[in-house]
Amino acid sequence: MPMHTTDEMNRFIELRADGFSVPTVSQQLGIPASTLYDWDPRDRHHIQRIKRFTFDKTEARILGSYERQPDSKP
């Protein structure tokens, strides 16, 4: 069984959090999809946490820019 680096494992989490499918991540990392399907449940908590963080950050940026818009009333 080949050992995978921490960088590969972290990149898997990042790509999954960005919404890429396991087969797509497999192609990008050159790691068999069967291995990544084993990793997915193990890392699901981290993947979801990154997704939430990214969503919250995006939401704050959008709402912040909306709140800074000048009032358009005549």
PDB file of N, CA and C in Angstrom:
ATOM      1  N   MET A   1       0.848  -1.181   0.000  1.00  0.00           N
ATOM      2  CA  MET A   1       0.000   0.000   0.000  1.00  0.00           C
ATOM      3  C   MET A   1       0.889   1.237   0.000  1.00  0.00           C
ATOM      4  N   PRO A   2       0.756   2.123  -1.006  1.00  0.00           N
ATOM      5  CA  PRO A   2       1.620   3.306  -1.056  1.00  0.00           C
ATOM      6  C   PRO A   2       1.257   4.310   0.036  1.00  0.00           C
ATOM      7  N   MET A   3       2.273   4.949   0.562  1.00  0.00           N
ATOM      8  CA  MET A   3       2.052   6.006   1.548  1.00  0.00           C
ATOM      9  C   MET A   3       1.842   7.309   0.788  1.00  0.00           C
ATOM     10  N   HIS A   4       0.941   8.092   1.274  1.00  0.00           N
ATOM     11  CA  HIS A   4       0.672   9.376   0.651  1.00  0.00           C
ATOM     12  C   HIS A   4       1.131  10.479   1.583  1.00  0.00           C
ATOM     13  N   THR A   5       1.588  11.559   0.976  1.00  0.00           N
ATOM     14  CA  THR A   5       2.126  12.657   1.764  1.00  0.00           C
ATOM     15  C   THR A   5       1.007  13.467   2.409  1.00  0.00           C
ATOM     16  N   THR A   6       1.377  14.197   3.420  1.00  0.00           N
ATOM     17  CA  THR A   6       0.434  15.106   4.071  1.00  0.00           C
ATOM     18  C   THR A   6      -0.055  16.140   3.076  1.00  0.00           C
ATOM     19  N   ASP A   7       0.825  16.594   2.188  1.00  0.00           N
ATOM     20  CA  ASP A   7       0.424  17.564   1.164  1.00  0.00           C
ATOM     21  C   ASP A   7      -0.661  16.992   0.256  1.00  0.00           C
ATOM     22  N   GLU A   8      -0.519  15.731  -0.139  1.00  0.00           N
ATOM     23  CA  GLU A   8      -1.537  15.098  -0.982  1.00  0.00           C
ATOM     24  C   GLU A   8      -2.871  15.003  -0.235  1.00  0.00           C
ATOM     25  N   MET A   9      -2.809  14.631   1.010  1.00  0.00           N
ATOM     26  CA  MET A   9      -4.030  14.506   1.809  1.00  0.00           C
ATOM     27  C   MET A   9      -4.702  15.863   2.004  1.00  0.00           C
ATOM     28  N   ASN A  10      -3.901  16.885   2.271  1.00  0.00           N
ATOM     29  CA  ASN A  10      -4.454  18.233   2.440  1.00  0.00           C
ATOM     30  C   ASN A  10      -5.043  18.750   1.135  1.00  0.00           C
ATOM     31  N   ARG A  11      -4.379  18.472   0.030  1.00  0.00           N
ATOM     32  CA  ARG A  11      -4.880  18.904  -1.278  1.00  0.00           C
ATOM     33  C   ARG A  11      -6.196  18.197  -1.590  1.00  0.00           C
ATOM     34  N   PHE A  12      -6.308  16.932  -1.216  1.00  0.00           N
ATOM     35  CA  PHE A  12      -7.566  16.200  -1.377  1.00  0.00           C
ATOM     36  C   PHE A  12      -8.686  16.935  -0.633  1.00  0.00           C
ATOM     37  N   ILE A  13      -8.449  17.302   0.612  1.00  0.00           N
ATOM     38  CA  ILE A  13      -9.456  18.003   1.419  1.00  0.00           C
ATOM     39  C   ILE A  13      -9.830  19.333   0.769  1.00  0.00           C
ATOM     40  N   GLU A  14      -8.837  20.086   0.320  1.00  0.00           N
ATOM     41  CA  GLU A  14      -9.095  21.382  -0.319  1.00  0.00           C
ATOM     42  C   GLU A  14      -9.941  21.229  -1.579  1.00  0.00           C
ATOM     43  N   LEU A  15      -9.572  20.277  -2.424  1.00  0.00           N
ATOM     44  CA  LEU A  15     -10.302  20.093  -3.670  1.00  0.00           C
ATOM     45  C   LEU A  15     -11.729  19.617  -3.427  1.00  0.00           C
ATOM     46  N   ARG A  16     -11.906  18.716  -2.467  1.00  0.00           N
ATOM     47  CA  ARG A  16     -13.259  18.260  -2.135  1.00  0.00           C
ATOM     48  C   ARG A  16     -14.086  19.406  -1.550  1.00  0.00           C
ATOM     49  N   ALA A  17     -13.469  20.241  -0.727  1.00  0.00           N
ATOM     50  CA  ALA A  17     -14.173  21.394  -0.157  1.00  0.00           C
ATOM     51  C   ALA A  17     -14.550  22.392  -1.246  1.00  0.00           C
ATOM     52  N   ASP A  18     -13.770  22.436  -2.314  1.00  0.00           N
ATOM     53  CA  ASP A  18     -14.075  23.309  -3.449  1.00  0.00           C
ATOM     54  C   ASP A  18     -15.142  22.713  -4.359  1.00  0.00           C
ATOM     55  N   GLY A  19     -15.605  21.512  -4.040  1.00  0.00           N
ATOM     56  CA  GLY A  19     -16.709  20.914  -4.771  1.00  0.00           C
ATOM     57  C   GLY A  19     -16.327  19.946  -5.868  1.00  0.00           C
ATOM     58  N   PHE A  20     -15.046  19.624  -5.990  1.00  0.00           N
ATOM     59  CA  PHE A  20     -14.624  18.678  -7.017  1.00  0.00           C
ATOM     60  C   PHE A  20     -15.020  17.254  -6.623  1.00  0.00           C
ATOM     61  N   SER A  21     -15.411  16.470  -7.609  1.00  0.00           N
ATOM     62  CA  SER A  21     -15.793  15.083  -7.362  1.00  0.00           C
ATOM     63  C   SER A  21     -14.554  14.236  -7.076  1.00  0.00           C
ATOM     64  N   VAL A  22     -14.779  13.087  -6.463  1.00  0.00           N
ATOM     65  CA  VAL A  22     -13.676  12.165  -6.179  1.00  0.00           C
ATOM     66  C   VAL A  22     -12.958  11.750  -7.461  1.00  0.00           C
ATOM     67  N   PRO A  23     -13.682  11.386  -8.542  1.00  0.00           N
ATOM     68  CA  PRO A  23     -12.962  11.027  -9.772  1.00  0.00           C
ATOM     69  C   PRO A  23     -12.107  12.176 -10.322  1.00  0.00           C
ATOM     70  N   THR A  24     -12.590  13.405 -10.238  1.00  0.00           N
ATOM     71  CA  THR A  24     -11.819  14.556 -10.709  1.00  0.00           C
ATOM     72  C   THR A  24     -10.576  14.760  -9.853  1.00  0.00           C
ATOM     73  N   VAL A  25     -10.738  14.655  -8.540  1.00  0.00           N
ATOM     74  CA  VAL A  25      -9.591  14.800  -7.635  1.00  0.00           C
ATOM     75  C   VAL A  25      -8.589  13.685  -7.902  1.00  0.00           C
ATOM     76  N   SER A  26      -9.086  12.494  -8.159  1.00  0.00           N
ATOM     77  CA  SER A  26      -8.217  11.366  -8.468  1.00  0.00           C
ATOM     78  C   SER A  26      -7.345  11.671  -9.683  1.00  0.00           C
ATOM     79  N   GLN A  27      -7.942  12.211 -10.723  1.00  0.00           N
ATOM     80  CA  GLN A  27      -7.181  12.578 -11.927  1.00  0.00           C
ATOM     81  C   GLN A  27      -6.162  13.664 -11.628  1.00  0.00           C
ATOM     82  N   GLN A  28      -6.556  14.666 -10.852  1.00  0.00           N
ATOM     83  CA  GLN A  28      -5.652  15.786 -10.565  1.00  0.00           C
ATOM     84  C   GLN A  28      -4.472  15.363  -9.703  1.00  0.00           C
ATOM     85  N   LEU A  29      -4.715  14.483  -8.737  1.00  0.00           N
ATOM     86  CA  LEU A  29      -3.651  14.088  -7.812  1.00  0.00           C
ATOM     87  C   LEU A  29      -2.912  12.834  -8.250  1.00  0.00           C
ATOM     88  N   GLY A  30      -3.479  12.097  -9.196  1.00  0.00           N
ATOM     89  CA  GLY A  30      -2.847  10.852  -9.611  1.00  0.00           C
ATOM     90  C   GLY A  30      -2.926   9.772  -8.544  1.00  0.00           C
ATOM     91  N   ILE A  31      -3.996   9.813  -7.765  1.00  0.00           N
ATOM     92  CA  ILE A  31      -4.229   8.823  -6.709  1.00  0.00           C
ATOM     93  C   ILE A  31      -5.501   8.070  -7.086  1.00  0.00           C
ATOM     94  N   PRO A  32      -5.509   6.744  -6.975  1.00  0.00           N
ATOM     95  CA  PRO A  32      -6.700   5.988  -7.359  1.00  0.00           C
ATOM     96  C   PRO A  32      -7.955   6.471  -6.627  1.00  0.00           C
ATOM     97  N   ALA A  33      -9.055   6.536  -7.373  1.00  0.00           N
ATOM     98  CA  ALA A  33     -10.322   6.968  -6.780  1.00  0.00           C
ATOM     99  C   ALA A  33     -10.713   6.068  -5.612  1.00  0.00           C
ATOM    100  N   SER A  34     -10.389   4.777  -5.686  1.00  0.00           N
ATOM    101  CA  SER A  34     -10.737   3.864  -4.592  1.00  0.00           C
ATOM    102  C   SER A  34     -10.081   4.300  -3.283  1.00  0.00           C
ATOM    103  N   THR A  35      -8.865   4.801  -3.369  1.00  0.00           N
ATOM    104  CA  THR A  35      -8.172   5.305  -2.176  1.00  0.00           C
ATOM    105  C   THR A  35      -8.880   6.552  -1.663  1.00  0.00           C
ATOM    106  N   LEU A  36      -9.242   7.445  -2.583  1.00  0.00           N
ATOM    107  CA  LEU A  36      -9.885   8.698  -2.172  1.00  0.00           C
ATOM    108  C   LEU A  36     -11.282   8.462  -1.607  1.00  0.00           C
ATOM    109  N   TYR A  37     -11.975   7.453  -2.126  1.00  0.00           N
ATOM    110  CA  TYR A  37     -13.279   7.108  -1.542  1.00  0.00           C
ATOM    111  C   TYR A  37     -13.111   6.625  -0.099  1.00  0.00           C
ATOM    112  N   ASP A  38     -11.972   6.022   0.222  1.00  0.00           N
ATOM    113  CA  ASP A  38     -11.680   5.640   1.613  1.00  0.00           C
ATOM    114  C   ASP A  38     -11.400   6.877   2.462  1.00  0.00           C
ATOM    115  N   TRP A  39     -10.733   7.859   1.871  1.00  0.00           N
ATOM    116  CA  TRP A  39     -10.389   9.075   2.612  1.00  0.00           C
ATOM    117  C   TRP A  39     -11.613   9.948   2.868  1.00  0.00           C
ATOM    118  N   ASP A  40     -12.568   9.949   1.942  1.00  0.00           N
ATOM    119  CA  ASP A  40     -13.678  10.896   2.003  1.00  0.00           C
ATOM    120  C   ASP A  40     -14.430  10.869   3.332  1.00  0.00           C
ATOM    121  N   PRO A  41     -14.886   9.707   3.819  1.00  0.00           N
ATOM    122  CA  PRO A  41     -15.592   9.714   5.106  1.00  0.00           C
ATOM    123  C   PRO A  41     -14.684  10.125   6.272  1.00  0.00           C
ATOM    124  N   ARG A  42     -13.427   9.734   6.187  1.00  0.00           N
ATOM    125  CA  ARG A  42     -12.476  10.062   7.251  1.00  0.00           C
ATOM    126  C   ARG A  42     -12.283  11.583   7.368  1.00  0.00           C
ATOM    127  N   ASP A  43     -12.291  12.269   6.220  1.00  0.00           N
ATOM    128  CA  ASP A  43     -12.011  13.710   6.201  1.00  0.00           C
ATOM    129  C   ASP A  43     -13.252  14.576   6.038  1.00  0.00           C
ATOM    130  N   ARG A  44     -14.420  13.955   6.068  1.00  0.00           N
ATOM    131  CA  ARG A  44     -15.659  14.700   5.835  1.00  0.00           C
ATOM    132  C   ARG A  44     -15.820  15.900   6.769  1.00  0.00           C
ATOM    133  N   HIS A  45     -15.466  15.741   8.028  1.00  0.00           N
ATOM    134  CA  HIS A  45     -15.587  16.845   8.987  1.00  0.00           C
ATOM    135  C   HIS A  45     -14.730  18.038   8.549  1.00  0.00           C
ATOM    136  N   HIS A  46     -13.506  17.777   8.142  1.00  0.00           N
ATOM    137  CA  HIS A  46     -12.616  18.861   7.695  1.00  0.00           C
ATOM    138  C   HIS A  46     -13.139  19.508   6.419  1.00  0.00           C
ATOM    139  N   ILE A  47     -13.626  18.693   5.503  1.00  0.00           N
ATOM    140  CA  ILE A  47     -14.164  19.203   4.242  1.00  0.00           C
ATOM    141  C   ILE A  47     -15.350  20.120   4.516  1.00  0.00           C
ATOM    142  N   GLN A  48     -16.263  19.686   5.366  1.00  0.00           N
ATOM    143  CA  GLN A  48     -17.441  20.496   5.689  1.00  0.00           C
ATOM    144  C   GLN A  48     -17.064  21.781   6.410  1.00  0.00           C
ATOM    145  N   ARG A  49     -16.081  21.706   7.286  1.00  0.00           N
ATOM    146  CA  ARG A  49     -15.649  22.899   8.017  1.00  0.00           C
ATOM    147  C   ARG A  49     -15.072  23.946   7.065  1.00  0.00           C
ATOM    148  N   ILE A  50     -14.286  23.510   6.100  1.00  0.00           N
ATOM    149  CA  ILE A  50     -13.719  24.437   5.126  1.00  0.00           C
ATOM    150  C   ILE A  50     -14.823  25.025   4.250  1.00  0.00           C
ATOM    151  N   LYS A  51     -15.787  24.208   3.852  1.00  0.00           N
ATOM    152  CA  LYS A  51     -16.910  24.701   3.052  1.00  0.00           C
ATOM    153  C   LYS A  51     -17.665  25.788   3.811  1.00  0.00           C
ATOM    154  N   ARG A  52     -17.952  25.538   5.092  1.00  0.00           N
ATOM    155  CA  ARG A  52     -18.671  26.525   5.909  1.00  0.00           C
ATOM    156  C   ARG A  52     -17.866  27.806   6.057  1.00  0.00           C
ATOM    157  N   PHE A  53     -16.570  27.676   6.316  1.00  0.00           N
ATOM    158  CA  PHE A  53     -15.714  28.843   6.471  1.00  0.00           C
ATOM    159  C   PHE A  53     -15.714  29.670   5.191  1.00  0.00           C
ATOM    160  N   THR A  54     -15.567  29.011   4.053  1.00  0.00           N
ATOM    161  CA  THR A  54     -15.549  29.708   2.771  1.00  0.00           C
ATOM    162  C   THR A  54     -16.888  30.382   2.511  1.00  0.00           C
ATOM    163  N   PHE A  55     -17.976  29.700   2.804  1.00  0.00           N
ATOM    164  CA  PHE A  55     -19.305  30.276   2.631  1.00  0.00           C
ATOM    165  C   PHE A  55     -19.483  31.497   3.529  1.00  0.00           C
ATOM    166  N   ASP A  56     -19.114  31.380   4.802  1.00  0.00           N
ATOM    167  CA  ASP A  56     -19.264  32.492   5.736  1.00  0.00           C
ATOM    168  C   ASP A  56     -18.441  33.698   5.293  1.00  0.00           C
ATOM    169  N   LYS A  57     -17.232  33.442   4.822  1.00  0.00           N
ATOM    170  CA  LYS A  57     -16.362  34.516   4.351  1.00  0.00           C
ATOM    171  C   LYS A  57     -16.961  35.212   3.128  1.00  0.00           C
ATOM    172  N   THR A  58     -17.484  34.443   2.209  1.00  0.00           N
ATOM    173  CA  THR A  58     -18.103  34.997   1.006  1.00  0.00           C
ATOM    174  C   THR A  58     -19.355  35.779   1.369  1.00  0.00           C
ATOM    175  N   GLU A  59     -20.152  35.212   2.237  1.00  0.00           N
ATOM    176  CA  GLU A  59     -21.377  35.884   2.672  1.00  0.00           C
ATOM    177  C   GLU A  59     -21.062  37.221   3.329  1.00  0.00           C
ATOM    178  N   ALA A  60     -20.070  37.260   4.193  1.00  0.00           N
ATOM    179  CA  ALA A  60     -19.690  38.506   4.871  1.00  0.00           C
ATOM    180  C   ALA A  60     -19.202  39.541   3.861  1.00  0.00           C
ATOM    181  N   ARG A  61     -18.448  39.096   2.867  1.00  0.00           N
ATOM    182  CA  ARG A  61     -17.945  40.026   1.860  1.00  0.00           C
ATOM    183  C   ARG A  61     -19.103  40.600   1.038  1.00  0.00           C
ATOM    184  N   ILE A  62     -20.047  39.752   0.648  1.00  0.00           N
ATOM    185  CA  ILE A  62     -21.185  40.217  -0.156  1.00  0.00           C
ATOM    186  C   ILE A  62     -22.085  41.139   0.659  1.00  0.00           C
ATOM    187  N   LEU A  63     -22.420  40.724   1.862  1.00  0.00           N
ATOM    188  CA  LEU A  63     -23.282  41.559   2.698  1.00  0.00           C
ATOM    189  C   LEU A  63     -22.599  42.863   3.079  1.00  0.00           C
ATOM    190  N   GLY A  64     -21.310  42.801   3.323  1.00  0.00           N
ATOM    191  CA  GLY A  64     -20.572  44.014   3.658  1.00  0.00           C
ATOM    192  C   GLY A  64     -20.579  45.001   2.512  1.00  0.00           C
ATOM    193  N   SER A  65     -20.403  44.527   1.294  1.00  0.00           N
ATOM    194  CA  SER A  65     -20.414  45.436   0.148  1.00  0.00           C
ATOM    195  C   SER A  65     -21.828  45.959  -0.095  1.00  0.00           C
ATOM    196  N   TYR A  66     -22.833  45.144   0.168  1.00  0.00           N
ATOM    197  CA  TYR A  66     -24.219  45.580   0.017  1.00  0.00           C
ATOM    198  C   TYR A  66     -24.540  46.686   1.024  1.00  0.00           C
ATOM    199  N   GLU A  67     -24.090  46.520   2.261  1.00  0.00           N
ATOM    200  CA  GLU A  67     -24.358  47.506   3.298  1.00  0.00           C
ATOM    201  C   GLU A  67     -23.636  48.823   3.049  1.00  0.00           C
ATOM    202  N   ARG A  68     -22.543  48.779   2.292  1.00  0.00           N
ATOM    203  CA  ARG A  68     -21.786  50.001   1.996  1.00  0.00           C
ATOM    204  C   ARG A  68     -22.319  50.747   0.777  1.00  0.00           C
ATOM    205  N   GLN A  69     -23.301  50.173   0.087  1.00  0.00           N
ATOM    206  CA  GLN A  69     -23.868  50.824  -1.094  1.00  0.00           C
ATOM    207  C   GLN A  69     -24.618  52.086  -0.673  1.00  0.00           C
ATOM    208  N   PRO A  70     -24.470  53.160  -1.443  1.00  0.00           N
ATOM    209  CA  PRO A  70     -25.219  54.382  -1.115  1.00  0.00           C
ATOM    210  C   PRO A  70     -26.714  54.146  -1.324  1.00  0.00           C
ATOM    211  N   ASP A  71     -27.475  54.817  -0.540  1.00  0.00           N
ATOM    212  CA  ASP A  71     -28.936  54.706  -0.640  1.00  0.00           C
ATOM    213  C   ASP A  71     -29.357  55.247  -2.003  1.00  0.00           C
ATOM    214  N   SER A  72     -30.137  54.493  -2.745  1.00  0.00           N
ATOM    215  CA  SER A  72     -30.502  54.902  -4.106  1.00  0.00           C
ATOM    216  C   SER A  72     -31.815  55.665  -4.169  1.00  0.00           C
ATOM    217  N   LYS A  73     -32.375  56.040  -3.047  1.00  0.00           N
ATOM    218  CA  LYS A  73     -33.633  56.806  -3.059  1.00  0.00           C
ATOM    219  C   LYS A  73     -33.359  58.197  -3.593  1.00  0.00           C
ATOM    220  N   PRO A  74     -34.329  58.752  -4.391  1.00  0.00           N
ATOM    221  CA  PRO A  74     -34.143  60.104  -4.952  1.00  0.00           C
ATOM    222  C   PRO A  74     -34.161  61.186  -3.919  1.00  0.00           C
TER     223      PRO A  74
END
